[in-house]
Amino acid sequence: MGRAGQPGETEPSGGAASEWWLEDDAGAAEVQAALAVIGGAGCAVLQVHPVHLAAAVAVLRPTVVRVAARIAGPGALATTKLFDVGECLRLGADEIAWPLEGGGEDLFFACGVEIAAAAALCHEAGARLKLLLPAAACAPAALPAVLEWARRRGADAVAVCGVGAAGSGFSAPAGAVAGVFAP
């Protein structure tokens, strides 16, 4: 069953910089119920699967809540993710969350050209690109190189992707975990 919340929490709790997410398997009624309270609950960003993007944008556009589309997960072709970026921006996404997989040297060679193209699409549309890194890529010694790699490809933010309490992937607030890059 889908739910909205902060990473690893059972119930949403607000805060000016809070980022909430909606599970991919949330049904239409759950999406509408979550959207009814999110705008006034201290949520800064709501991260949704593209299937919920149009509904989220329609409800949240008059509020200050930014809507982030979490595109195809690890294992999807980079060209598929790039197509998803264009479609999500067309539907009104304020931010694109691009999940990466692997670690070490594999991460540096994976999808670099596509990520740069996605960043260009996002910036042209006035949106942000956030890379969701696997925990394996975020060892303290590797993090500075990973952040520099992401910045050079045009990413606006980087967050760690892991497993939450419900066993689903999540993104942590980028500024608190890895980095937000200045323009």
N, C-alpha and C. Protein backbone atom coordinates (compact mmCIF):
# COMPACT_ATOMS: atom_id res chain seq x y z
N MET A 1 0.84 -1.18 0.00
CA MET A 1 0.00 0.00 0.00
C MET A 1 0.88 1.23 0.00
N GLY A 2 0.55 2.20 -0.80
CA GLY A 2 1.34 3.41 -0.87
C GLY A 2 1.10 4.33 0.30
N ARG A 3 2.05 5.21 0.54
CA ARG A 3 1.92 6.21 1.59
C ARG A 3 2.82 7.38 1.24
N ALA A 4 2.61 8.46 1.94
CA ALA A 4 3.48 9.62 1.77
C ALA A 4 4.23 9.78 3.07
N GLY A 5 5.44 10.25 3.01
CA GLY A 5 6.19 10.47 4.23
C GLY A 5 7.61 10.88 3.96
N GLN A 6 8.33 11.12 5.02
CA GLN A 6 9.74 11.39 4.90
C GLN A 6 10.47 10.06 4.92
N PRO A 7 11.70 10.04 4.43
CA PRO A 7 12.44 8.78 4.37
C PRO A 7 12.50 8.06 5.72
N GLY A 8 12.12 6.80 5.69
CA GLY A 8 12.26 5.96 6.87
C GLY A 8 11.23 6.22 7.95
N GLU A 9 10.24 7.08 7.72
CA GLU A 9 9.23 7.37 8.72
C GLU A 9 7.91 6.75 8.33
N THR A 10 7.12 6.41 9.32
CA THR A 10 5.80 5.86 9.07
C THR A 10 4.80 6.97 8.80
N GLU A 11 4.93 8.08 9.48
CA GLU A 11 4.01 9.21 9.31
C GLU A 11 4.79 10.44 8.88
N PRO A 12 4.20 11.25 8.00
CA PRO A 12 4.87 12.48 7.58
C PRO A 12 5.03 13.44 8.75
N SER A 13 6.12 14.17 8.78
CA SER A 13 6.29 15.24 9.75
C SER A 13 6.91 16.41 9.02
N GLY A 14 6.41 17.58 9.26
CA GLY A 14 6.77 18.74 8.46
C GLY A 14 8.08 19.39 8.83
N GLY A 15 8.32 20.48 8.22
CA GLY A 15 9.52 21.27 8.38
C GLY A 15 9.74 22.03 7.09
N ALA A 16 10.32 23.19 7.18
CA ALA A 16 10.46 24.04 6.01
C ALA A 16 11.21 23.36 4.88
N ALA A 17 12.17 22.52 5.20
CA ALA A 17 12.98 21.90 4.16
C ALA A 17 12.61 20.44 3.94
N SER A 18 11.43 20.02 4.37
CA SER A 18 11.13 18.60 4.28
C SER A 18 10.80 18.17 2.87
N GLU A 19 11.29 17.00 2.54
CA GLU A 19 11.00 16.38 1.25
C GLU A 19 10.20 15.12 1.52
N TRP A 20 9.04 15.04 0.94
CA TRP A 20 8.18 13.87 1.10
C TRP A 20 8.22 13.07 -0.18
N TRP A 21 7.81 11.82 -0.10
CA TRP A 21 7.74 10.98 -1.27
C TRP A 21 6.47 10.17 -1.22
N LEU A 22 5.99 9.79 -2.38
CA LEU A 22 4.79 8.98 -2.50
C LEU A 22 5.22 7.67 -3.13
N GLU A 23 4.89 6.57 -2.50
CA GLU A 23 5.31 5.28 -3.03
C GLU A 23 4.71 5.03 -4.41
N ASP A 24 5.44 4.28 -5.21
CA ASP A 24 5.04 4.00 -6.59
C ASP A 24 3.71 3.28 -6.68
N ASP A 25 3.39 2.44 -5.69
CA ASP A 25 2.17 1.64 -5.79
C ASP A 25 0.95 2.31 -5.16
N ALA A 26 1.04 3.58 -4.83
CA ALA A 26 -0.11 4.27 -4.25
C ALA A 26 -1.25 4.30 -5.26
N GLY A 27 -2.46 4.05 -4.77
CA GLY A 27 -3.63 4.11 -5.62
C GLY A 27 -4.15 5.53 -5.74
N ALA A 28 -5.09 5.73 -6.64
CA ALA A 28 -5.63 7.08 -6.91
C ALA A 28 -6.21 7.72 -5.64
N ALA A 29 -6.94 6.94 -4.84
CA ALA A 29 -7.54 7.50 -3.63
C ALA A 29 -6.46 7.91 -2.63
N GLU A 30 -5.41 7.10 -2.51
CA GLU A 30 -4.31 7.44 -1.60
C GLU A 30 -3.57 8.68 -2.07
N VAL A 31 -3.38 8.79 -3.37
CA VAL A 31 -2.70 9.96 -3.92
C VAL A 31 -3.51 11.21 -3.61
N GLN A 32 -4.80 11.18 -3.88
CA GLN A 32 -5.65 12.35 -3.63
C GLN A 32 -5.69 12.70 -2.15
N ALA A 33 -5.74 11.71 -1.26
CA ALA A 33 -5.76 11.98 0.18
C ALA A 33 -4.45 12.62 0.62
N ALA A 34 -3.34 12.11 0.12
CA ALA A 34 -2.03 12.68 0.48
C ALA A 34 -1.91 14.11 -0.05
N LEU A 35 -2.33 14.32 -1.28
CA LEU A 35 -2.21 15.65 -1.89
C LEU A 35 -3.08 16.68 -1.18
N ALA A 36 -4.17 16.22 -0.59
CA ALA A 36 -5.08 17.14 0.10
C ALA A 36 -4.42 17.76 1.33
N VAL A 37 -3.46 17.08 1.95
CA VAL A 37 -2.84 17.61 3.17
C VAL A 37 -1.42 18.13 2.96
N ILE A 38 -0.76 17.72 1.91
CA ILE A 38 0.66 18.04 1.73
C ILE A 38 0.91 19.53 1.59
N GLY A 39 0.08 20.25 0.84
CA GLY A 39 0.31 21.67 0.59
C GLY A 39 0.41 22.51 1.85
N GLY A 40 -0.30 22.14 2.90
CA GLY A 40 -0.28 22.92 4.12
C GLY A 40 0.46 22.26 5.27
N ALA A 41 1.23 21.23 4.98
CA ALA A 41 1.85 20.45 6.06
C ALA A 41 3.36 20.63 6.16
N GLY A 42 3.91 21.70 5.64
CA GLY A 42 5.35 21.93 5.77
C GLY A 42 6.20 21.17 4.79
N CYS A 43 5.61 20.67 3.74
CA CYS A 43 6.34 19.93 2.71
C CYS A 43 6.91 20.92 1.71
N ALA A 44 8.21 20.80 1.41
CA ALA A 44 8.85 21.67 0.42
C ALA A 44 8.88 21.01 -0.95
N VAL A 45 9.10 19.69 -0.98
CA VAL A 45 9.18 18.94 -2.23
C VAL A 45 8.43 17.63 -2.05
N LEU A 46 7.61 17.28 -3.02
CA LEU A 46 6.96 15.97 -3.03
C LEU A 46 7.54 15.21 -4.21
N GLN A 47 8.12 14.05 -3.92
CA GLN A 47 8.71 13.21 -4.96
C GLN A 47 7.71 12.13 -5.31
N VAL A 48 7.35 12.02 -6.60
CA VAL A 48 6.34 11.07 -7.04
C VAL A 48 6.84 10.27 -8.24
N HIS A 49 6.24 9.13 -8.45
CA HIS A 49 6.45 8.34 -9.66
C HIS A 49 5.75 9.10 -10.79
N PRO A 50 6.27 9.04 -12.02
CA PRO A 50 5.65 9.79 -13.12
C PRO A 50 4.16 9.52 -13.32
N VAL A 51 3.68 8.35 -12.95
CA VAL A 51 2.26 8.06 -13.12
C VAL A 51 1.39 8.97 -12.25
N HIS A 52 1.95 9.49 -11.16
CA HIS A 52 1.20 10.39 -10.27
C HIS A 52 1.52 11.87 -10.52
N LEU A 53 2.38 12.14 -11.48
CA LEU A 53 2.87 13.50 -11.69
C LEU A 53 1.77 14.49 -12.05
N ALA A 54 0.94 14.17 -13.02
CA ALA A 54 -0.10 15.11 -13.46
C ALA A 54 -1.03 15.47 -12.32
N ALA A 55 -1.43 14.49 -11.52
CA ALA A 55 -2.32 14.76 -10.38
C ALA A 55 -1.63 15.64 -9.35
N ALA A 56 -0.37 15.34 -9.07
CA ALA A 56 0.37 16.13 -8.07
C ALA A 56 0.55 17.57 -8.54
N VAL A 57 0.90 17.76 -9.80
CA VAL A 57 1.08 19.11 -10.33
C VAL A 57 -0.24 19.87 -10.28
N ALA A 58 -1.34 19.22 -10.67
CA ALA A 58 -2.64 19.89 -10.69
C ALA A 58 -3.06 20.38 -9.30
N VAL A 59 -2.78 19.58 -8.28
CA VAL A 59 -3.18 19.95 -6.92
C VAL A 59 -2.20 20.91 -6.28
N LEU A 60 -0.90 20.70 -6.51
CA LEU A 60 0.12 21.46 -5.78
C LEU A 60 0.62 22.71 -6.49
N ARG A 61 0.30 22.91 -7.75
CA ARG A 61 0.81 24.07 -8.48
C ARG A 61 0.47 25.39 -7.79
N PRO A 62 -0.72 25.57 -7.22
CA PRO A 62 -0.99 26.86 -6.57
C PRO A 62 -0.29 27.02 -5.21
N THR A 63 0.43 26.00 -4.75
CA THR A 63 1.13 26.08 -3.46
C THR A 63 2.62 26.28 -3.70
N VAL A 64 3.38 26.38 -2.63
CA VAL A 64 4.84 26.53 -2.75
C VAL A 64 5.55 25.18 -2.85
N VAL A 65 4.81 24.09 -2.77
CA VAL A 65 5.41 22.75 -2.83
C VAL A 65 5.88 22.46 -4.25
N ARG A 66 7.16 22.10 -4.38
CA ARG A 66 7.72 21.69 -5.67
C ARG A 66 7.42 20.20 -5.88
N VAL A 67 7.17 19.83 -7.12
CA VAL A 67 6.87 18.44 -7.46
C VAL A 67 8.06 17.85 -8.19
N ALA A 68 8.61 16.78 -7.64
CA ALA A 68 9.75 16.08 -8.25
C ALA A 68 9.28 14.75 -8.83
N ALA A 69 9.67 14.47 -10.04
CA ALA A 69 9.34 13.19 -10.67
C ALA A 69 10.53 12.25 -10.50
N ARG A 70 10.28 11.10 -9.91
CA ARG A 70 11.30 10.07 -9.74
C ARG A 70 11.21 9.15 -10.94
N ILE A 71 12.12 9.32 -11.89
CA ILE A 71 12.04 8.59 -13.15
C ILE A 71 12.48 7.14 -12.97
N ALA A 72 12.48 6.40 -14.06
CA ALA A 72 12.78 4.97 -14.05
C ALA A 72 13.98 4.63 -13.17
N GLY A 73 13.82 3.60 -12.39
CA GLY A 73 14.83 3.22 -11.42
C GLY A 73 16.02 2.51 -12.03
N PRO A 74 16.92 2.07 -11.16
CA PRO A 74 18.11 1.34 -11.61
C PRO A 74 17.72 0.17 -12.50
N GLY A 75 18.50 -0.04 -13.52
CA GLY A 75 18.25 -1.12 -14.47
C GLY A 75 17.62 -0.62 -15.75
N ALA A 76 16.97 0.55 -15.72
CA ALA A 76 16.38 1.11 -16.93
C ALA A 76 17.49 1.71 -17.80
N LEU A 77 17.30 1.66 -19.08
CA LEU A 77 18.28 2.25 -20.00
C LEU A 77 18.34 3.75 -19.81
N ALA A 78 19.52 4.31 -19.95
CA ALA A 78 19.68 5.75 -19.80
C ALA A 78 18.85 6.51 -20.82
N THR A 79 18.70 5.96 -22.03
CA THR A 79 17.89 6.64 -23.03
C THR A 79 16.42 6.65 -22.63
N THR A 80 15.96 5.61 -21.95
CA THR A 80 14.59 5.58 -21.44
C THR A 80 14.42 6.65 -20.37
N LYS A 81 15.41 6.77 -19.50
CA LYS A 81 15.35 7.80 -18.46
C LYS A 81 15.34 9.19 -19.08
N LEU A 82 16.11 9.40 -20.12
CA LEU A 82 16.16 10.69 -20.78
C LEU A 82 14.80 11.02 -21.40
N PHE A 83 14.16 10.04 -22.01
CA PHE A 83 12.81 10.23 -22.55
C PHE A 83 11.86 10.60 -21.41
N ASP A 84 11.95 9.88 -20.29
CA ASP A 84 11.10 10.17 -19.13
C ASP A 84 11.30 11.60 -18.63
N VAL A 85 12.53 12.08 -18.64
CA VAL A 85 12.82 13.45 -18.21
C VAL A 85 12.02 14.43 -19.05
N GLY A 86 12.09 14.28 -20.37
CA GLY A 86 11.36 15.18 -21.26
C GLY A 86 9.87 15.15 -21.02
N GLU A 87 9.31 13.95 -20.85
CA GLU A 87 7.88 13.82 -20.62
C GLU A 87 7.47 14.42 -19.27
N CYS A 88 8.26 14.17 -18.25
CA CYS A 88 7.94 14.71 -16.92
C CYS A 88 8.02 16.23 -16.89
N LEU A 89 8.98 16.79 -17.59
CA LEU A 89 9.08 18.25 -17.68
C LEU A 89 7.88 18.81 -18.43
N ARG A 90 7.45 18.13 -19.48
CA ARG A 90 6.28 18.55 -20.24
C ARG A 90 5.02 18.54 -19.36
N LEU A 91 4.96 17.60 -18.42
CA LEU A 91 3.81 17.50 -17.51
C LEU A 91 3.89 18.46 -16.33
N GLY A 92 5.00 19.19 -16.21
CA GLY A 92 5.09 20.22 -15.18
C GLY A 92 5.98 19.93 -13.99
N ALA A 93 6.84 18.92 -14.06
CA ALA A 93 7.74 18.62 -12.94
C ALA A 93 8.66 19.80 -12.67
N ASP A 94 8.85 20.11 -11.39
CA ASP A 94 9.77 21.17 -10.97
C ASP A 94 11.18 20.62 -10.78
N GLU A 95 11.27 19.32 -10.60
CA GLU A 95 12.54 18.66 -10.32
C GLU A 95 12.47 17.24 -10.87
N ILE A 96 13.60 16.74 -11.34
CA ILE A 96 13.71 15.36 -11.78
C ILE A 96 14.66 14.65 -10.83
N ALA A 97 14.23 13.52 -10.29
CA ALA A 97 15.08 12.68 -9.44
C ALA A 97 15.51 11.48 -10.29
N TRP A 98 16.82 11.41 -10.60
CA TRP A 98 17.38 10.38 -11.48
C TRP A 98 18.14 9.37 -10.64
N PRO A 99 17.62 8.16 -10.47
CA PRO A 99 18.33 7.14 -9.69
C PRO A 99 19.51 6.56 -10.47
N LEU A 100 20.65 6.47 -9.81
CA LEU A 100 21.83 5.84 -10.38
C LEU A 100 22.07 4.52 -9.69
N GLU A 101 22.82 3.66 -10.33
CA GLU A 101 23.16 2.38 -9.71
C GLU A 101 24.65 2.16 -9.82
N GLY A 102 25.14 1.23 -9.02
CA GLY A 102 26.56 0.92 -9.05
C GLY A 102 27.33 1.76 -8.06
N GLY A 103 28.61 1.72 -8.18
CA GLY A 103 29.47 2.47 -7.29
C GLY A 103 30.88 2.49 -7.86
N GLY A 104 31.74 3.21 -7.24
CA GLY A 104 33.13 3.28 -7.66
C GLY A 104 33.26 3.77 -9.08
N GLU A 105 34.18 3.18 -9.82
CA GLU A 105 34.44 3.61 -11.19
C GLU A 105 33.24 3.41 -12.10
N ASP A 106 32.41 2.37 -11.83
CA ASP A 106 31.24 2.13 -12.67
C ASP A 106 30.33 3.36 -12.69
N LEU A 107 30.18 4.00 -11.56
CA LEU A 107 29.29 5.15 -11.46
C LEU A 107 29.78 6.30 -12.34
N PHE A 108 31.08 6.49 -12.39
CA PHE A 108 31.63 7.61 -13.15
C PHE A 108 31.46 7.45 -14.65
N PHE A 109 31.36 6.23 -15.14
CA PHE A 109 31.24 6.02 -16.57
C PHE A 109 29.80 5.80 -17.01
N ALA A 110 28.91 5.55 -16.06
CA ALA A 110 27.52 5.25 -16.39
C ALA A 110 26.74 6.53 -16.66
N CYS A 111 26.11 6.60 -17.77
CA CYS A 111 25.11 7.63 -18.08
C CYS A 111 25.60 9.06 -18.06
N GLY A 112 26.88 9.32 -18.10
CA GLY A 112 27.38 10.69 -18.01
C GLY A 112 26.82 11.61 -19.07
N VAL A 113 26.79 11.17 -20.32
CA VAL A 113 26.29 11.99 -21.42
C VAL A 113 24.80 12.24 -21.25
N GLU A 114 24.05 11.19 -20.88
CA GLU A 114 22.61 11.33 -20.70
C GLU A 114 22.28 12.24 -19.53
N ILE A 115 23.06 12.15 -18.46
CA ILE A 115 22.82 13.02 -17.30
C ILE A 115 23.06 14.48 -17.69
N ALA A 116 24.10 14.74 -18.45
CA ALA A 116 24.35 16.11 -18.90
C ALA A 116 23.21 16.59 -19.79
N ALA A 117 22.69 15.73 -20.66
CA ALA A 117 21.57 16.11 -21.52
C ALA A 117 20.31 16.35 -20.68
N ALA A 118 20.09 15.51 -19.66
CA ALA A 118 18.93 15.70 -18.78
C ALA A 118 19.04 17.01 -18.01
N ALA A 119 20.25 17.33 -17.55
CA ALA A 119 20.45 18.60 -16.84
C ALA A 119 20.13 19.77 -17.75
N ALA A 120 20.55 19.70 -19.00
CA ALA A 120 20.27 20.78 -19.95
C ALA A 120 18.77 20.92 -20.18
N LEU A 121 18.06 19.80 -20.33
CA LEU A 121 16.61 19.84 -20.49
C LEU A 121 15.94 20.47 -19.27
N CYS A 122 16.38 20.05 -18.09
CA CYS A 122 15.81 20.58 -16.85
C CYS A 122 16.03 22.08 -16.75
N HIS A 123 17.24 22.51 -16.97
CA HIS A 123 17.56 23.94 -16.83
C HIS A 123 16.81 24.78 -17.85
N GLU A 124 16.65 24.26 -19.06
CA GLU A 124 15.90 24.97 -20.09
C GLU A 124 14.44 25.15 -19.67
N ALA A 125 13.91 24.16 -18.93
CA ALA A 125 12.52 24.22 -18.47
C ALA A 125 12.38 24.91 -17.12
N GLY A 126 13.49 25.36 -16.54
CA GLY A 126 13.43 26.01 -15.23
C GLY A 126 13.31 25.03 -14.09
N ALA A 127 13.69 23.78 -14.32
CA ALA A 127 13.60 22.72 -13.31
C ALA A 127 15.00 22.34 -12.82
N ARG A 128 15.06 21.51 -11.78
CA ARG A 128 16.32 21.03 -11.21
C ARG A 128 16.49 19.55 -11.51
N LEU A 129 17.75 19.12 -11.56
CA LEU A 129 18.06 17.70 -11.69
C LEU A 129 18.77 17.25 -10.42
N LYS A 130 18.19 16.24 -9.76
CA LYS A 130 18.80 15.67 -8.56
C LYS A 130 19.15 14.22 -8.86
N LEU A 131 20.40 13.84 -8.60
CA LEU A 131 20.83 12.46 -8.78
C LEU A 131 20.65 11.72 -7.47
N LEU A 132 20.04 10.55 -7.54
CA LEU A 132 19.86 9.69 -6.38
C LEU A 132 20.95 8.62 -6.43
N LEU A 133 21.90 8.73 -5.52
CA LEU A 133 23.05 7.84 -5.53
C LEU A 133 22.80 6.62 -4.67
N PRO A 134 23.31 5.47 -5.09
CA PRO A 134 23.22 4.29 -4.23
C PRO A 134 24.14 4.45 -3.03
N ALA A 135 23.76 3.89 -1.91
CA ALA A 135 24.57 4.01 -0.69
C ALA A 135 26.00 3.53 -0.93
N ALA A 136 26.18 2.54 -1.82
CA ALA A 136 27.52 2.01 -2.10
C ALA A 136 28.46 3.07 -2.66
N ALA A 137 27.90 4.07 -3.34
CA ALA A 137 28.73 5.10 -3.96
C ALA A 137 29.08 6.22 -3.00
N CYS A 138 28.54 6.17 -1.80
CA CYS A 138 28.67 7.31 -0.89
C CYS A 138 29.55 7.04 0.32
N ALA A 139 30.54 6.20 0.15
CA ALA A 139 31.51 6.03 1.22
C ALA A 139 32.18 7.39 1.45
N PRO A 140 32.48 7.74 2.68
CA PRO A 140 33.05 9.06 2.96
C PRO A 140 34.23 9.43 2.07
N ALA A 141 35.09 8.49 1.78
CA ALA A 141 36.27 8.79 0.96
C ALA A 141 35.90 9.07 -0.49
N ALA A 142 34.84 8.46 -0.98
CA ALA A 142 34.45 8.61 -2.39
C ALA A 142 33.52 9.80 -2.62
N LEU A 143 32.86 10.29 -1.60
CA LEU A 143 31.83 11.31 -1.77
C LEU A 143 32.32 12.59 -2.45
N PRO A 144 33.47 13.16 -2.10
CA PRO A 144 33.89 14.38 -2.81
C PRO A 144 34.04 14.19 -4.32
N ALA A 145 34.59 13.07 -4.74
CA ALA A 145 34.75 12.80 -6.17
C ALA A 145 33.39 12.61 -6.84
N VAL A 146 32.47 11.94 -6.17
CA VAL A 146 31.13 11.71 -6.72
C VAL A 146 30.40 13.04 -6.87
N LEU A 147 30.49 13.90 -5.86
CA LEU A 147 29.83 15.20 -5.93
C LEU A 147 30.40 16.04 -7.07
N GLU A 148 31.72 16.02 -7.24
CA GLU A 148 32.34 16.77 -8.33
C GLU A 148 31.91 16.22 -9.68
N TRP A 149 31.85 14.90 -9.81
CA TRP A 149 31.40 14.25 -11.04
C TRP A 149 29.98 14.71 -11.38
N ALA A 150 29.10 14.73 -10.39
CA ALA A 150 27.70 15.14 -10.61
C ALA A 150 27.61 16.61 -10.99
N ARG A 151 28.37 17.45 -10.30
CA ARG A 151 28.35 18.89 -10.58
C ARG A 151 28.80 19.17 -12.00
N ARG A 152 29.83 18.48 -12.46
CA ARG A 152 30.36 18.70 -13.81
C ARG A 152 29.37 18.29 -14.89
N ARG A 153 28.46 17.42 -14.57
CA ARG A 153 27.45 16.99 -15.53
C ARG A 153 26.18 17.83 -15.45
N GLY A 154 26.18 18.84 -14.58
CA GLY A 154 25.06 19.77 -14.52
C GLY A 154 24.01 19.47 -13.48
N ALA A 155 24.23 18.44 -12.65
CA ALA A 155 23.25 18.14 -11.60
C ALA A 155 23.16 19.31 -10.63
N ASP A 156 21.95 19.55 -10.13
CA ASP A 156 21.73 20.63 -9.17
C ASP A 156 21.83 20.14 -7.74
N ALA A 157 21.61 18.85 -7.53
CA ALA A 157 21.65 18.29 -6.18
C ALA A 157 21.96 16.80 -6.27
N VAL A 158 22.41 16.26 -5.16
CA VAL A 158 22.71 14.83 -5.05
C VAL A 158 22.13 14.36 -3.73
N ALA A 159 21.49 13.19 -3.75
CA ALA A 159 20.95 12.61 -2.53
C ALA A 159 21.28 11.12 -2.51
N VAL A 160 21.27 10.54 -1.34
CA VAL A 160 21.54 9.12 -1.18
C VAL A 160 20.24 8.36 -1.31
N CYS A 161 20.27 7.25 -2.02
CA CYS A 161 19.11 6.38 -2.18
C CYS A 161 19.37 5.13 -1.34
N GLY A 162 18.37 4.72 -0.58
CA GLY A 162 18.53 3.55 0.27
C GLY A 162 17.22 2.84 0.47
N VAL A 163 17.08 2.18 1.58
CA VAL A 163 15.86 1.43 1.88
C VAL A 163 15.24 2.01 3.13
N GLY A 164 13.98 2.36 3.03
CA GLY A 164 13.24 2.93 4.16
C GLY A 164 12.62 1.86 5.03
N ALA A 165 11.88 2.29 6.03
CA ALA A 165 11.26 1.38 7.00
C ALA A 165 10.29 0.43 6.32
N ALA A 166 9.63 0.88 5.27
CA ALA A 166 8.65 0.04 4.59
C ALA A 166 9.28 -0.83 3.51
N GLY A 167 10.61 -0.77 3.37
CA GLY A 167 11.29 -1.57 2.38
C GLY A 167 11.27 -0.96 0.99
N SER A 168 10.99 0.32 0.90
CA SER A 168 10.94 1.01 -0.39
C SER A 168 12.10 1.97 -0.51
N GLY A 169 12.46 2.29 -1.73
CA GLY A 169 13.52 3.27 -1.94
C GLY A 169 13.08 4.65 -1.48
N PHE A 170 14.01 5.49 -1.10
CA PHE A 170 13.70 6.84 -0.68
C PHE A 170 14.82 7.77 -1.09
N SER A 171 14.55 9.04 -1.06
CA SER A 171 15.62 10.01 -1.24
C SER A 171 15.64 10.87 0.00
N ALA A 172 16.80 11.12 0.48
CA ALA A 172 16.95 11.99 1.65
C ALA A 172 17.10 13.42 1.15
N PRO A 173 16.80 14.40 2.00
CA PRO A 173 17.00 15.78 1.56
C PRO A 173 18.45 15.98 1.11
N ALA A 174 18.60 16.48 -0.09
CA ALA A 174 19.92 16.54 -0.71
C ALA A 174 20.91 17.36 0.09
N GLY A 175 20.50 18.49 0.62
CA GLY A 175 21.42 19.34 1.35
C GLY A 175 21.91 18.71 2.64
N ALA A 176 21.10 17.85 3.23
CA ALA A 176 21.46 17.25 4.51
C ALA A 176 22.37 16.06 4.33
N VAL A 177 22.32 15.40 3.19
CA VAL A 177 23.06 14.16 3.04
C VAL A 177 24.31 14.32 2.18
N ALA A 178 24.17 14.89 1.01
CA ALA A 178 25.31 14.90 0.11
C ALA A 178 25.65 16.31 -0.36
N GLY A 179 24.82 16.93 -1.16
CA GLY A 179 25.16 18.25 -1.63
C GLY A 179 24.14 18.89 -2.52
N VAL A 180 24.02 20.19 -2.41
CA VAL A 180 23.25 21.00 -3.32
C VAL A 180 24.22 21.98 -3.92
N PHE A 181 24.24 22.08 -5.23
CA PHE A 181 25.22 22.91 -5.90
C PHE A 181 24.67 24.29 -6.18
N ALA A 182 25.49 25.29 -5.97
CA ALA A 182 25.10 26.67 -6.27
C ALA A 182 25.11 26.85 -7.79
N PRO A 183 24.23 27.72 -8.30
CA PRO A 183 24.18 27.93 -9.76
C PRO A 183 25.48 28.52 -10.28
